[in-house]
Amino acid sequence: MKHPAAGLDDLVHQRARLGILAIVSDVDAAEFIYIRDALELTSGNLSAHLRVLSEAEIVRVRKDPVLAGRNAKTWVSITGRGRELLEKEILALKELVRQVEGTLG
């Protein structure tokens, strides 16, 4: 029987990516700056993680058009595939916690 840790998905499990998915799973879309600040990431680091998640079709990234005197806002939303992978990851984490709790004090 495989260990619960074997069920963790490297694509999703990385701390920043898991945080991104947790944030966007609870809303229609989250603004780039909000995600960056909430996870204490740099803009470049967040962009790199979003690129990986977007290429894997786990999130969608869209930019609002630039309005006069304002910067474009970037919005991130989770896809159906992303929601499925996040749910699978949470189940694997719960199983891992259950197993480890049984071995601790």
PDB file of N, CA and C in Angstrom:
ATOM      1  N   MET A   1       0.848  -1.186   0.000  1.00  0.00           N
ATOM      2  CA  MET A   1       0.000   0.000   0.000  1.00  0.00           C
ATOM      3  C   MET A   1       0.888   1.242   0.000  1.00  0.00           C
ATOM      4  N   LYS A   2       0.584   2.200  -0.865  1.00  0.00           N
ATOM      5  CA  LYS A   2       1.431   3.385  -0.949  1.00  0.00           C
ATOM      6  C   LYS A   2       1.166   4.346   0.212  1.00  0.00           C
ATOM      7  N   HIS A   3       2.169   5.086   0.543  1.00  0.00           N
ATOM      8  CA  HIS A   3       2.088   6.071   1.618  1.00  0.00           C
ATOM      9  C   HIS A   3       1.258   7.268   1.137  1.00  0.00           C
ATOM     10  N   PRO A   4       0.477   7.906   2.020  1.00  0.00           N
ATOM     11  CA  PRO A   4      -0.337   9.062   1.606  1.00  0.00           C
ATOM     12  C   PRO A   4       0.485  10.180   0.961  1.00  0.00           C
ATOM     13  N   ALA A   5       1.732  10.334   1.336  1.00  0.00           N
ATOM     14  CA  ALA A   5       2.564  11.387   0.739  1.00  0.00           C
ATOM     15  C   ALA A   5       2.774  11.150  -0.755  1.00  0.00           C
ATOM     16  N   ALA A   6       2.669   9.903  -1.190  1.00  0.00           N
ATOM     17  CA  ALA A   6       2.820   9.597  -2.616  1.00  0.00           C
ATOM     18  C   ALA A   6       1.667  10.172  -3.434  1.00  0.00           C
ATOM     19  N   GLY A   7       0.562  10.494  -2.777  1.00  0.00           N
ATOM     20  CA  GLY A   7      -0.590  11.062  -3.472  1.00  0.00           C
ATOM     21  C   GLY A   7      -0.524  12.565  -3.659  1.00  0.00           C
ATOM     22  N   LEU A   8       0.505  13.208  -3.084  1.00  0.00           N
ATOM     23  CA  LEU A   8       0.641  14.660  -3.244  1.00  0.00           C
ATOM     24  C   LEU A   8       1.142  14.978  -4.650  1.00  0.00           C
ATOM     25  N   ASP A   9       0.563  15.985  -5.259  1.00  0.00           N
ATOM     26  CA  ASP A   9       0.897  16.392  -6.629  1.00  0.00           C
ATOM     27  C   ASP A   9       1.913  17.522  -6.574  1.00  0.00           C
ATOM     28  N   ASP A  10       3.114  17.288  -7.100  1.00  0.00           N
ATOM     29  CA  ASP A  10       4.176  18.295  -7.054  1.00  0.00           C
ATOM     30  C   ASP A  10       3.760  19.619  -7.706  1.00  0.00           C
ATOM     31  N   LEU A  11       2.943  19.543  -8.729  1.00  0.00           N
ATOM     32  CA  LEU A  11       2.497  20.752  -9.416  1.00  0.00           C
ATOM     33  C   LEU A  11       1.643  21.625  -8.502  1.00  0.00           C
ATOM     34  N   VAL A  12       0.808  21.001  -7.707  1.00  0.00           N
ATOM     35  CA  VAL A  12      -0.134  21.705  -6.840  1.00  0.00           C
ATOM     36  C   VAL A  12       0.443  21.936  -5.447  1.00  0.00           C
ATOM     37  N   HIS A  13       1.248  21.014  -4.974  1.00  0.00           N
ATOM     38  CA  HIS A  13       1.657  21.017  -3.574  1.00  0.00           C
ATOM     39  C   HIS A  13       2.654  22.113  -3.207  1.00  0.00           C
ATOM     40  N   GLN A  14       3.371  22.639  -4.144  1.00  0.00           N
ATOM     41  CA  GLN A  14       4.341  23.698  -3.861  1.00  0.00           C
ATOM     42  C   GLN A  14       3.637  24.809  -3.083  1.00  0.00           C
ATOM     43  N   ARG A  15       4.272  25.337  -2.031  1.00  0.00           N
ATOM     44  CA  ARG A  15       3.621  26.261  -1.098  1.00  0.00           C
ATOM     45  C   ARG A  15       2.896  27.417  -1.779  1.00  0.00           C
ATOM     46  N   ALA A  16       3.556  28.125  -2.670  1.00  0.00           N
ATOM     47  CA  ALA A  16       2.928  29.285  -3.310  1.00  0.00           C
ATOM     48  C   ALA A  16       1.754  28.855  -4.188  1.00  0.00           C
ATOM     49  N   ARG A  17       1.925  27.765  -4.924  1.00  0.00           N
ATOM     50  CA  ARG A  17       0.852  27.311  -5.815  1.00  0.00           C
ATOM     51  C   ARG A  17      -0.360  26.833  -5.024  1.00  0.00           C
ATOM     52  N   LEU A  18      -0.118  26.119  -3.943  1.00  0.00           N
ATOM     53  CA  LEU A  18      -1.225  25.675  -3.103  1.00  0.00           C
ATOM     54  C   LEU A  18      -1.944  26.882  -2.504  1.00  0.00           C
ATOM     55  N   GLY A  19      -1.180  27.895  -2.113  1.00  0.00           N
ATOM     56  CA  GLY A  19      -1.784  29.125  -1.591  1.00  0.00           C
ATOM     57  C   GLY A  19      -2.608  29.845  -2.642  1.00  0.00           C
ATOM     58  N   ILE A  20      -2.092  29.921  -3.852  1.00  0.00           N
ATOM     59  CA  ILE A  20      -2.832  30.560  -4.952  1.00  0.00           C
ATOM     60  C   ILE A  20      -4.159  29.840  -5.152  1.00  0.00           C
ATOM     61  N   LEU A  21      -4.104  28.511  -5.232  1.00  0.00           N
ATOM     62  CA  LEU A  21      -5.321  27.742  -5.472  1.00  0.00           C
ATOM     63  C   LEU A  21      -6.307  27.872  -4.315  1.00  0.00           C
ATOM     64  N   ALA A  22      -5.798  27.918  -3.099  1.00  0.00           N
ATOM     65  CA  ALA A  22      -6.686  28.089  -1.939  1.00  0.00           C
ATOM     66  C   ALA A  22      -7.408  29.433  -2.018  1.00  0.00           C
ATOM     67  N   ILE A  23      -6.689  30.470  -2.405  1.00  0.00           N
ATOM     68  CA  ILE A  23      -7.306  31.808  -2.499  1.00  0.00           C
ATOM     69  C   ILE A  23      -8.342  31.856  -3.613  1.00  0.00           C
ATOM     70  N   VAL A  24      -7.983  31.391  -4.805  1.00  0.00           N
ATOM     71  CA  VAL A  24      -8.901  31.533  -5.944  1.00  0.00           C
ATOM     72  C   VAL A  24     -10.043  30.526  -5.918  1.00  0.00           C
ATOM     73  N   SER A  25      -9.940  29.490  -5.086  1.00  0.00           N
ATOM     74  CA  SER A  25     -11.032  28.510  -5.019  1.00  0.00           C
ATOM     75  C   SER A  25     -12.249  29.074  -4.295  1.00  0.00           C
ATOM     76  N   ASP A  26     -12.042  30.146  -3.555  1.00  0.00           N
ATOM     77  CA  ASP A  26     -13.107  30.700  -2.710  1.00  0.00           C
ATOM     78  C   ASP A  26     -13.811  31.910  -3.330  1.00  0.00           C
ATOM     79  N   VAL A  27     -13.356  32.345  -4.512  1.00  0.00           N
ATOM     80  CA  VAL A  27     -13.917  33.542  -5.151  1.00  0.00           C
ATOM     81  C   VAL A  27     -14.050  33.308  -6.656  1.00  0.00           C
ATOM     82  N   ASP A  28     -14.794  34.180  -7.322  1.00  0.00           N
ATOM     83  CA  ASP A  28     -14.877  34.079  -8.784  1.00  0.00           C
ATOM     84  C   ASP A  28     -13.520  34.368  -9.414  1.00  0.00           C
ATOM     85  N   ALA A  29     -12.843  35.396  -8.902  1.00  0.00           N
ATOM     86  CA  ALA A  29     -11.509  35.760  -9.381  1.00  0.00           C
ATOM     87  C   ALA A  29     -10.843  36.606  -8.302  1.00  0.00           C
ATOM     88  N   ALA A  30      -9.536  36.454  -8.185  1.00  0.00           N
ATOM     89  CA  ALA A  30      -8.776  37.240  -7.217  1.00  0.00           C
ATOM     90  C   ALA A  30      -7.773  38.104  -7.970  1.00  0.00           C
ATOM     91  N   GLU A  31      -7.572  39.303  -7.462  1.00  0.00           N
ATOM     92  CA  GLU A  31      -6.649  40.228  -8.105  1.00  0.00           C
ATOM     93  C   GLU A  31      -5.206  39.835  -7.789  1.00  0.00           C
ATOM     94  N   PHE A  32      -4.348  39.975  -8.775  1.00  0.00           N
ATOM     95  CA  PHE A  32      -2.929  39.643  -8.675  1.00  0.00           C
ATOM     96  C   PHE A  32      -2.293  40.246  -7.425  1.00  0.00           C
ATOM     97  N   ILE A  33      -2.528  41.525  -7.200  1.00  0.00           N
ATOM     98  CA  ILE A  33      -1.893  42.221  -6.073  1.00  0.00           C
ATOM     99  C   ILE A  33      -2.363  41.630  -4.744  1.00  0.00           C
ATOM    100  N   TYR A  34      -3.635  41.273  -4.654  1.00  0.00           N
ATOM    101  CA  TYR A  34      -4.145  40.661  -3.428  1.00  0.00           C
ATOM    102  C   TYR A  34      -3.424  39.334  -3.163  1.00  0.00           C
ATOM    103  N   ILE A  35      -3.328  38.495  -4.186  1.00  0.00           N
ATOM    104  CA  ILE A  35      -2.655  37.196  -4.032  1.00  0.00           C
ATOM    105  C   ILE A  35      -1.195  37.405  -3.646  1.00  0.00           C
ATOM    106  N   ARG A  36      -0.530  38.318  -4.335  1.00  0.00           N
ATOM    107  CA  ARG A  36       0.882  38.602  -4.061  1.00  0.00           C
ATOM    108  C   ARG A  36       1.094  38.989  -2.603  1.00  0.00           C
ATOM    109  N   ASP A  37       0.278  39.918  -2.133  1.00  0.00           N
ATOM    110  CA  ASP A  37       0.424  40.412  -0.761  1.00  0.00           C
ATOM    111  C   ASP A  37       0.018  39.365   0.275  1.00  0.00           C
ATOM    112  N   ALA A  38      -1.065  38.636   0.016  1.00  0.00           N
ATOM    113  CA  ALA A  38      -1.543  37.630   0.965  1.00  0.00           C
ATOM    114  C   ALA A  38      -0.527  36.514   1.155  1.00  0.00           C
ATOM    115  N   LEU A  39       0.178  36.161   0.089  1.00  0.00           N
ATOM    116  CA  LEU A  39       1.148  35.059   0.162  1.00  0.00           C
ATOM    117  C   LEU A  39       2.579  35.548   0.372  1.00  0.00           C
ATOM    118  N   GLU A  40       2.738  36.868   0.475  1.00  0.00           N
ATOM    119  CA  GLU A  40       4.054  37.484   0.687  1.00  0.00           C
ATOM    120  C   GLU A  40       5.059  37.035  -0.372  1.00  0.00           C
ATOM    121  N   LEU A  41       4.654  37.190  -1.632  1.00  0.00           N
ATOM    122  CA  LEU A  41       5.495  36.854  -2.774  1.00  0.00           C
ATOM    123  C   LEU A  41       5.913  38.125  -3.490  1.00  0.00           C
ATOM    124  N   THR A  42       6.942  38.033  -4.294  1.00  0.00           N
ATOM    125  CA  THR A  42       7.270  39.143  -5.173  1.00  0.00           C
ATOM    126  C   THR A  42       6.397  39.032  -6.415  1.00  0.00           C
ATOM    127  N   SER A  43       6.263  40.102  -7.150  1.00  0.00           N
ATOM    128  CA  SER A  43       5.470  40.063  -8.383  1.00  0.00           C
ATOM    129  C   SER A  43       6.054  39.056  -9.369  1.00  0.00           C
ATOM    130  N   GLY A  44       7.375  39.034  -9.480  1.00  0.00           N
ATOM    131  CA  GLY A  44       8.031  38.107 -10.402  1.00  0.00           C
ATOM    132  C   GLY A  44       7.808  36.659 -10.011  1.00  0.00           C
ATOM    133  N   ASN A  45       7.891  36.377  -8.715  1.00  0.00           N
ATOM    134  CA  ASN A  45       7.686  35.018  -8.237  1.00  0.00           C
ATOM    135  C   ASN A  45       6.251  34.575  -8.478  1.00  0.00           C
ATOM    136  N   LEU A  46       5.293  35.438  -8.161  1.00  0.00           N
ATOM    137  CA  LEU A  46       3.891  35.105  -8.403  1.00  0.00           C
ATOM    138  C   LEU A  46       3.643  34.892  -9.892  1.00  0.00           C
ATOM    139  N   SER A  47       4.188  35.749 -10.725  1.00  0.00           N
ATOM    140  CA  SER A  47       4.019  35.593 -12.178  1.00  0.00           C
ATOM    141  C   SER A  47       4.526  34.247 -12.659  1.00  0.00           C
ATOM    142  N   ALA A  48       5.684  33.820 -12.135  1.00  0.00           N
ATOM    143  CA  ALA A  48       6.255  32.535 -12.543  1.00  0.00           C
ATOM    144  C   ALA A  48       5.334  31.378 -12.143  1.00  0.00           C
ATOM    145  N   HIS A  49       4.796  31.422 -10.934  1.00  0.00           N
ATOM    146  CA  HIS A  49       3.892  30.361 -10.488  1.00  0.00           C
ATOM    147  C   HIS A  49       2.592  30.378 -11.286  1.00  0.00           C
ATOM    148  N   LEU A  50       2.085  31.557 -11.583  1.00  0.00           N
ATOM    149  CA  LEU A  50       0.860  31.648 -12.379  1.00  0.00           C
ATOM    150  C   LEU A  50       1.079  31.119 -13.792  1.00  0.00           C
ATOM    151  N   ARG A  51       2.252  31.345 -14.332  1.00  0.00           N
ATOM    152  CA  ARG A  51       2.564  30.833 -15.666  1.00  0.00           C
ATOM    153  C   ARG A  51       2.510  29.293 -15.667  1.00  0.00           C
ATOM    154  N   VAL A  52       3.110  28.677 -14.657  1.00  0.00           N
ATOM    155  CA  VAL A  52       3.095  27.215 -14.543  1.00  0.00           C
ATOM    156  C   VAL A  52       1.662  26.710 -14.409  1.00  0.00           C
ATOM    157  N   LEU A  53       0.884  27.320 -13.518  1.00  0.00           N
ATOM    158  CA  LEU A  53      -0.495  26.888 -13.305  1.00  0.00           C
ATOM    159  C   LEU A  53      -1.369  27.133 -14.534  1.00  0.00           C
ATOM    160  N   SER A  54      -1.133  28.237 -15.215  1.00  0.00           N
ATOM    161  CA  SER A  54      -1.900  28.563 -16.411  1.00  0.00           C
ATOM    162  C   SER A  54      -1.580  27.589 -17.547  1.00  0.00           C
ATOM    163  N   GLU A  55      -0.312  27.290 -17.739  1.00  0.00           N
ATOM    164  CA  GLU A  55       0.084  26.350 -18.799  1.00  0.00           C
ATOM    165  C   GLU A  55      -0.484  24.962 -18.548  1.00  0.00           C
ATOM    166  N   ALA A  56      -0.673  24.608 -17.281  1.00  0.00           N
ATOM    167  CA  ALA A  56      -1.256  23.316 -16.924  1.00  0.00           C
ATOM    168  C   ALA A  56      -2.785  23.378 -16.898  1.00  0.00           C
ATOM    169  N   GLU A  57      -3.350  24.517 -17.263  1.00  0.00           N
ATOM    170  CA  GLU A  57      -4.800  24.742 -17.310  1.00  0.00           C
ATOM    171  C   GLU A  57      -5.464  24.537 -15.948  1.00  0.00           C
ATOM    172  N   ILE A  58      -4.758  25.002 -14.907  1.00  0.00           N
ATOM    173  CA  ILE A  58      -5.264  24.918 -13.536  1.00  0.00           C
ATOM    174  C   ILE A  58      -5.884  26.248 -13.123  1.00  0.00           C
ATOM    175  N   VAL A  59      -5.358  27.348 -13.653  1.00  0.00           N
ATOM    176  CA  VAL A  59      -5.944  28.672 -13.440  1.00  0.00           C
ATOM    177  C   VAL A  59      -6.049  29.392 -14.774  1.00  0.00           C
ATOM    178  N   ARG A  60      -6.890  30.414 -14.788  1.00  0.00           N
ATOM    179  CA  ARG A  60      -6.985  31.346 -15.919  1.00  0.00           C
ATOM    180  C   ARG A  60      -6.522  32.703 -15.430  1.00  0.00           C
ATOM    181  N   VAL A  61      -5.728  33.361 -16.248  1.00  0.00           N
ATOM    182  CA  VAL A  61      -5.244  34.696 -15.916  1.00  0.00           C
ATOM    183  C   VAL A  61      -5.764  35.637 -16.987  1.00  0.00           C
ATOM    184  N   ARG A  62      -6.393  36.722 -16.553  1.00  0.00           N
ATOM    185  CA  ARG A  62      -6.875  37.714 -17.536  1.00  0.00           C
ATOM    186  C   ARG A  62      -6.526  39.110 -17.046  1.00  0.00           C
ATOM    187  N   LYS A  63      -6.263  39.982 -17.995  1.00  0.00           N
ATOM    188  CA  LYS A  63      -5.952  41.370 -17.682  1.00  0.00           C
ATOM    189  C   LYS A  63      -7.094  42.246 -18.148  1.00  0.00           C
ATOM    190  N   ASP A  64      -7.496  43.155 -17.273  1.00  0.00           N
ATOM    191  CA  ASP A  64      -8.464  44.164 -17.674  1.00  0.00           C
ATOM    192  C   ASP A  64      -7.759  45.142 -18.596  1.00  0.00           C
ATOM    193  N   PRO A  65      -8.487  45.738 -19.516  1.00  0.00           N
ATOM    194  CA  PRO A  65      -7.863  46.753 -20.361  1.00  0.00           C
ATOM    195  C   PRO A  65      -7.386  47.937 -19.515  1.00  0.00           C
ATOM    196  N   VAL A  66      -6.328  48.556 -19.975  1.00  0.00           N
ATOM    197  CA  VAL A  66      -5.789  49.724 -19.272  1.00  0.00           C
ATOM    198  C   VAL A  66      -6.721  50.903 -19.501  1.00  0.00           C
ATOM    199  N   LEU A  67      -7.126  51.541 -18.415  1.00  0.00           N
ATOM    200  CA  LEU A  67      -7.948  52.741 -18.501  1.00  0.00           C
ATOM    201  C   LEU A  67      -7.042  53.950 -18.325  1.00  0.00           C
ATOM    202  N   ALA A  68      -7.472  55.077 -18.818  1.00  0.00           N
ATOM    203  CA  ALA A  68      -6.668  56.291 -18.733  1.00  0.00           C
ATOM    204  C   ALA A  68      -6.212  56.543 -17.299  1.00  0.00           C
ATOM    205  N   GLY A  69      -4.920  56.670 -17.117  1.00  0.00           N
ATOM    206  CA  GLY A  69      -4.365  57.014 -15.815  1.00  0.00           C
ATOM    207  C   GLY A  69      -4.332  55.868 -14.814  1.00  0.00           C
ATOM    208  N   ARG A  70      -4.649  54.661 -15.250  1.00  0.00           N
ATOM    209  CA  ARG A  70      -4.673  53.519 -14.327  1.00  0.00           C
ATOM    210  C   ARG A  70      -3.882  52.361 -14.909  1.00  0.00           C
ATOM    211  N   ASN A  71      -3.345  51.545 -14.041  1.00  0.00           N
ATOM    212  CA  ASN A  71      -2.671  50.329 -14.482  1.00  0.00           C
ATOM    213  C   ASN A  71      -3.713  49.246 -14.746  1.00  0.00           C
ATOM    214  N   ALA A  72      -3.386  48.337 -15.650  1.00  0.00           N
ATOM    215  CA  ALA A  72      -4.273  47.204 -15.902  1.00  0.00           C
ATOM    216  C   ALA A  72      -4.287  46.304 -14.671  1.00  0.00           C
ATOM    217  N   LYS A  73      -5.449  45.766 -14.352  1.00  0.00           N
ATOM    218  CA  LYS A  73      -5.553  44.813 -13.249  1.00  0.00           C
ATOM    219  C   LYS A  73      -5.499  43.408 -13.820  1.00  0.00           C
ATOM    220  N   THR A  74      -4.823  42.533 -13.116  1.00  0.00           N
ATOM    221  CA  THR A  74      -4.732  41.137 -13.519  1.00  0.00           C
ATOM    222  C   THR A  74      -5.558  40.310 -12.546  1.00  0.00           C
ATOM    223  N   TRP A  75      -6.409  39.458 -13.106  1.00  0.00           N
ATOM    224  CA  TRP A  75      -7.314  38.632 -12.318  1.00  0.00           C
ATOM    225  C   TRP A  75      -7.004  37.164 -12.536  1.00  0.00           C
ATOM    226  N   VAL A  76      -7.123  36.384 -11.487  1.00  0.00           N
ATOM    227  CA  VAL A  76      -6.825  34.950 -11.541  1.00  0.00           C
ATOM    228  C   VAL A  76      -8.053  34.184 -11.069  1.00  0.00           C
ATOM    229  N   SER A  77      -8.430  33.156 -11.827  1.00  0.00           N
ATOM    230  CA  SER A  77      -9.544  32.300 -11.431  1.00  0.00           C
ATOM    231  C   SER A  77      -9.139  30.840 -11.607  1.00  0.00           C
ATOM    232  N   ILE A  78      -9.786  29.981 -10.858  1.00  0.00           N
ATOM    233  CA  ILE A  78      -9.489  28.554 -10.919  1.00  0.00           C
ATOM    234  C   ILE A  78     -10.346  27.913 -12.005  1.00  0.00           C
ATOM    235  N   THR A  79      -9.789  26.914 -12.671  1.00  0.00           N
ATOM    236  CA  THR A  79     -10.535  26.165 -13.683  1.00  0.00           C
ATOM    237  C   THR A  79     -11.175  24.942 -13.039  1.00  0.00           C
ATOM    238  N   GLY A  80     -12.020  24.255 -13.782  1.00  0.00           N
ATOM    239  CA  GLY A  80     -12.596  23.010 -13.285  1.00  0.00           C
ATOM    240  C   GLY A  80     -11.508  21.994 -12.975  1.00  0.00           C
ATOM    241  N   ARG A  81     -10.524  21.896 -13.851  1.00  0.00           N
ATOM    242  CA  ARG A  81      -9.384  20.991 -13.627  1.00  0.00           C
ATOM    243  C   ARG A  81      -8.638  21.402 -12.361  1.00  0.00           C
ATOM    244  N   GLY A  82      -8.451  22.699 -12.172  1.00  0.00           N
ATOM    245  CA  GLY A  82      -7.763  23.191 -10.986  1.00  0.00           C
ATOM    246  C   GLY A  82      -8.510  22.843  -9.723  1.00  0.00           C
ATOM    247  N   ARG A  83      -9.816  22.970  -9.749  1.00  0.00           N
ATOM    248  CA  ARG A  83     -10.642  22.639  -8.584  1.00  0.00           C
ATOM    249  C   ARG A  83     -10.525  21.139  -8.265  1.00  0.00           C
ATOM    250  N   GLU A  84     -10.561  20.304  -9.305  1.00  0.00           N
ATOM    251  CA  GLU A  84     -10.418  18.855  -9.101  1.00  0.00           C
ATOM    252  C   GLU A  84      -9.061  18.520  -8.483  1.00  0.00           C
ATOM    253  N   LEU A  85      -7.986  19.117  -9.013  1.00  0.00           N
ATOM    254  CA  LEU A  85      -6.648  18.845  -8.476  1.00  0.00           C
ATOM    255  C   LEU A  85      -6.497  19.349  -7.043  1.00  0.00           C
ATOM    256  N   LEU A  86      -7.091  20.500  -6.742  1.00  0.00           N
ATOM    257  CA  LEU A  86      -7.030  21.025  -5.378  1.00  0.00           C
ATOM    258  C   LEU A  86      -7.781  20.100  -4.416  1.00  0.00           C
ATOM    259  N   GLU A  87      -8.952  19.650  -4.810  1.00  0.00           N
ATOM    260  CA  GLU A  87      -9.717  18.733  -3.957  1.00  0.00           C
ATOM    261  C   GLU A  87      -8.941  17.441  -3.710  1.00  0.00           C
ATOM    262  N   LYS A  88      -8.318  16.904  -4.748  1.00  0.00           N
ATOM    263  CA  LYS A  88      -7.509  15.687  -4.619  1.00  0.00           C
ATOM    264  C   LYS A  88      -6.338  15.927  -3.664  1.00  0.00           C
ATOM    265  N   GLU A  89      -5.708  17.085  -3.781  1.00  0.00           N
ATOM    266  CA  GLU A  89      -4.578  17.432  -2.918  1.00  0.00           C
ATOM    267  C   GLU A  89      -5.025  17.535  -1.455  1.00  0.00           C
ATOM    268  N   ILE A  90      -6.149  18.163  -1.221  1.00  0.00           N
ATOM    269  CA  ILE A  90      -6.663  18.316   0.144  1.00  0.00           C
ATOM    270  C   ILE A  90      -6.970  16.944   0.743  1.00  0.00           C
ATOM    271  N   LEU A  91      -7.565  16.051  -0.040  1.00  0.00           N
ATOM    272  CA  LEU A  91      -7.848  14.701   0.450  1.00  0.00           C
ATOM    273  C   LEU A  91      -6.553  13.967   0.798  1.00  0.00           C
ATOM    274  N   ALA A  92      -5.528  14.094  -0.043  1.00  0.00           N
ATOM    275  CA  ALA A  92      -4.234  13.454   0.226  1.00  0.00           C
ATOM    276  C   ALA A  92      -3.601  14.033   1.495  1.00  0.00           C
ATOM    277  N   LEU A  93      -3.711  15.341   1.678  1.00  0.00           N
ATOM    278  CA  LEU A  93      -3.164  15.976   2.881  1.00  0.00           C
ATOM    279  C   LEU A  93      -3.910  15.506   4.130  1.00  0.00           C
ATOM    280  N   LYS A  94      -5.234  15.409   4.040  1.00  0.00           N
ATOM    281  CA  LYS A  94      -6.026  14.935   5.183  1.00  0.00           C
ATOM    282  C   LYS A  94      -5.617  13.510   5.561  1.00  0.00           C
ATOM    283  N   GLU A  95      -5.432  12.664   4.560  1.00  0.00           N
ATOM    284  CA  GLU A  95      -5.026  11.281   4.831  1.00  0.00           C
ATOM    285  C   GLU A  95      -3.632  11.243   5.457  1.00  0.00           C
ATOM    286  N   LEU A  96      -2.744  12.071   4.973  1.00  0.00           N
ATOM    287  CA  LEU A  96      -1.397  12.148   5.535  1.00  0.00           C
ATOM    288  C   LEU A  96      -1.451  12.600   6.984  1.00  0.00           C
ATOM    289  N   VAL A  97      -2.241  13.603   7.276  1.00  0.00           N
ATOM    290  CA  VAL A  97      -2.382  14.103   8.652  1.00  0.00           C
ATOM    291  C   VAL A  97      -2.978  13.007   9.542  1.00  0.00           C
ATOM    292  N   ARG A  98      -4.004  12.313   9.057  1.00  0.00           N
ATOM    293  CA  ARG A  98      -4.617  11.232   9.845  1.00  0.00           C
ATOM    294  C   ARG A  98      -3.579  10.172  10.219  1.00  0.00           C
ATOM    295  N   GLN A  99      -2.759   9.806   9.236  1.00  0.00           N
ATOM    296  CA  GLN A  99      -1.760   8.779   9.482  1.00  0.00           C
ATOM    297  C   GLN A  99      -0.696   9.253  10.481  1.00  0.00           C
ATOM    298  N   VAL A 100      -0.233  10.470  10.307  1.00  0.00           N
ATOM    299  CA  VAL A 100       0.822  10.986  11.188  1.00  0.00           C
ATOM    300  C   VAL A 100       0.290  11.221  12.596  1.00  0.00           C
ATOM    301  N   GLU A 101      -0.932  11.708  12.719  1.00  0.00           N
ATOM    302  CA  GLU A 101      -1.512  11.949  14.048  1.00  0.00           C
ATOM    303  C   GLU A 101      -1.535  10.665  14.882  1.00  0.00           C
ATOM    304  N   GLY A 102      -1.733   9.545  14.237  1.00  0.00           N
ATOM    305  CA  GLY A 102      -1.763   8.277  14.953  1.00  0.00           C
ATOM    306  C   GLY A 102      -0.410   7.857  15.500  1.00  0.00           C
ATOM    307  N   THR A 103       0.650   8.461  14.992  1.00  0.00           N
ATOM    308  CA  THR A 103       2.010   8.094  15.453  1.00  0.00           C
ATOM    309  C   THR A 103       2.591   9.078  16.422  1.00  0.00           C
ATOM    310  N   LEU A 104       1.930  10.211  16.623  1.00  0.00           N
ATOM    311  CA  LEU A 104       2.448  11.237  17.520  1.00  0.00           C
ATOM    312  C   LEU A 104       1.865  11.086  18.920  1.00  0.00           C
ATOM    313  N   GLY A 105       2.676  11.462  19.904  1.00  0.00           N
ATOM    314  CA  GLY A 105       2.374  11.484  21.310  1.00  0.00           C
ATOM    315  C   GLY A 105       1.019  11.157  21.675  1.00  0.00           C
TER     316      GLY A 105
END
